[in-house]
Amino acid sequence: MTSRKTMVKTRAVIPMGMSETQQDAESQCVSCGIKVAAMNAASFDCPECGTEIHRCPTCRKQSNLYECPDCGFRGP
């Protein structure tokens, strides 16, 4: 049995090398939280820290504000 390094956060156990926000951001709109895996979602890097951000088409169209989960940068 091989041991796997893990990091314990307040909500879950996450494999090392991938932050909790990176894991969540891969499948959810950062503005409304819906899953965007099969949608025409926008993906871009945060202008401040480079974390990948995903937004659903509805939030983009409505210009809903978003906040980077890692650094707190806010944008339209």
Protein backbone atom coordinates (compact mmCIF):
# COMPACT_ATOMS: atom_id res chain seq x y z
CA MET A 1 0.00 0.00 0.00
CA THR A 2 1.48 3.33 -1.03
CA SER A 3 0.93 6.40 1.06
CA ARG A 4 -0.31 9.55 -0.59
CA LYS A 5 0.53 12.97 0.78
CA THR A 6 -2.55 14.94 1.60
CA MET A 7 -3.27 18.34 3.01
CA VAL A 8 -6.17 18.70 5.42
CA LYS A 9 -8.32 21.79 5.03
CA THR A 10 -11.39 22.71 7.02
CA ARG A 11 -13.76 21.27 4.40
CA ALA A 12 -11.99 18.30 2.81
CA VAL A 13 -8.83 16.28 2.31
CA ILE A 14 -7.14 17.35 -0.92
CA PRO A 15 -4.18 15.80 -2.77
CA MET A 16 -1.03 17.92 -2.48
CA GLY A 17 -0.20 20.08 -5.48
CA MET A 18 -3.76 21.21 -6.16
CA SER A 19 -5.35 23.90 -4.03
CA GLU A 20 -8.95 23.66 -2.92
CA THR A 21 -9.85 26.65 -5.05
CA GLN A 22 -8.23 25.08 -8.11
CA GLN A 23 -10.28 21.94 -7.59
CA ASP A 24 -13.54 23.86 -7.24
CA ALA A 25 -12.74 26.25 -10.09
CA GLU A 26 -12.36 23.41 -12.56
CA SER A 27 -16.07 22.70 -12.60
CA GLN A 28 -17.99 25.69 -11.19
CA CYS A 29 -18.82 29.23 -12.22
CA VAL A 30 -17.00 31.54 -9.82
CA SER A 31 -19.97 33.95 -9.78
CA CYS A 32 -23.00 31.69 -9.27
CA GLY A 33 -21.48 28.30 -8.49
CA ILE A 34 -23.25 26.17 -11.10
CA LYS A 35 -21.32 23.37 -12.80
CA VAL A 36 -19.92 24.54 -16.14
CA ALA A 37 -18.26 21.37 -17.47
CA ALA A 38 -20.64 20.92 -20.44
CA MET A 39 -21.43 24.62 -21.00
CA ASN A 40 -19.97 27.30 -23.20
CA ALA A 41 -18.18 28.79 -20.19
CA ALA A 42 -15.40 31.34 -20.28
CA SER A 43 -12.08 30.34 -18.73
CA PHE A 44 -9.37 32.88 -18.01
CA ASP A 45 -6.54 33.58 -15.59
CA CYS A 46 -7.00 36.02 -12.73
CA PRO A 47 -5.23 39.30 -13.61
CA GLU A 48 -3.68 39.46 -10.12
CA CYS A 49 -2.54 35.93 -9.25
CA GLY A 50 -3.05 33.77 -12.35
CA THR A 51 -5.59 31.34 -10.86
CA GLU A 52 -7.85 29.90 -13.55
CA ILE A 53 -11.39 31.31 -13.31
CA HIS A 54 -14.52 29.89 -14.98
CA ARG A 55 -17.74 31.79 -15.66
CA CYS A 56 -21.03 30.51 -17.05
CA PRO A 57 -22.64 32.17 -20.10
CA THR A 58 -25.46 33.67 -18.00
CA CYS A 59 -23.12 35.46 -15.56
CA ARG A 60 -20.99 36.73 -18.44
CA LYS A 61 -24.04 38.06 -20.30
CA GLN A 62 -25.42 39.77 -17.18
CA SER A 63 -21.95 41.15 -16.29
CA ASN A 64 -22.21 39.67 -12.79
CA LEU A 65 -19.23 40.48 -10.61
CA TYR A 66 -16.74 37.75 -9.83
CA GLU A 67 -14.15 37.39 -7.09
CA CYS A 68 -10.96 35.34 -7.37
CA PRO A 69 -11.10 32.65 -4.68
CA ASP A 70 -7.34 32.85 -4.08
CA CYS A 71 -6.47 36.55 -3.98
CA GLY A 72 -9.88 38.31 -3.75
CA PHE A 73 -9.51 40.29 -7.00
CA ARG A 74 -12.93 41.49 -8.18
CA GLY A 75 -13.98 42.07 -11.74
CA PRO A 76 -17.06 42.46 -13.95
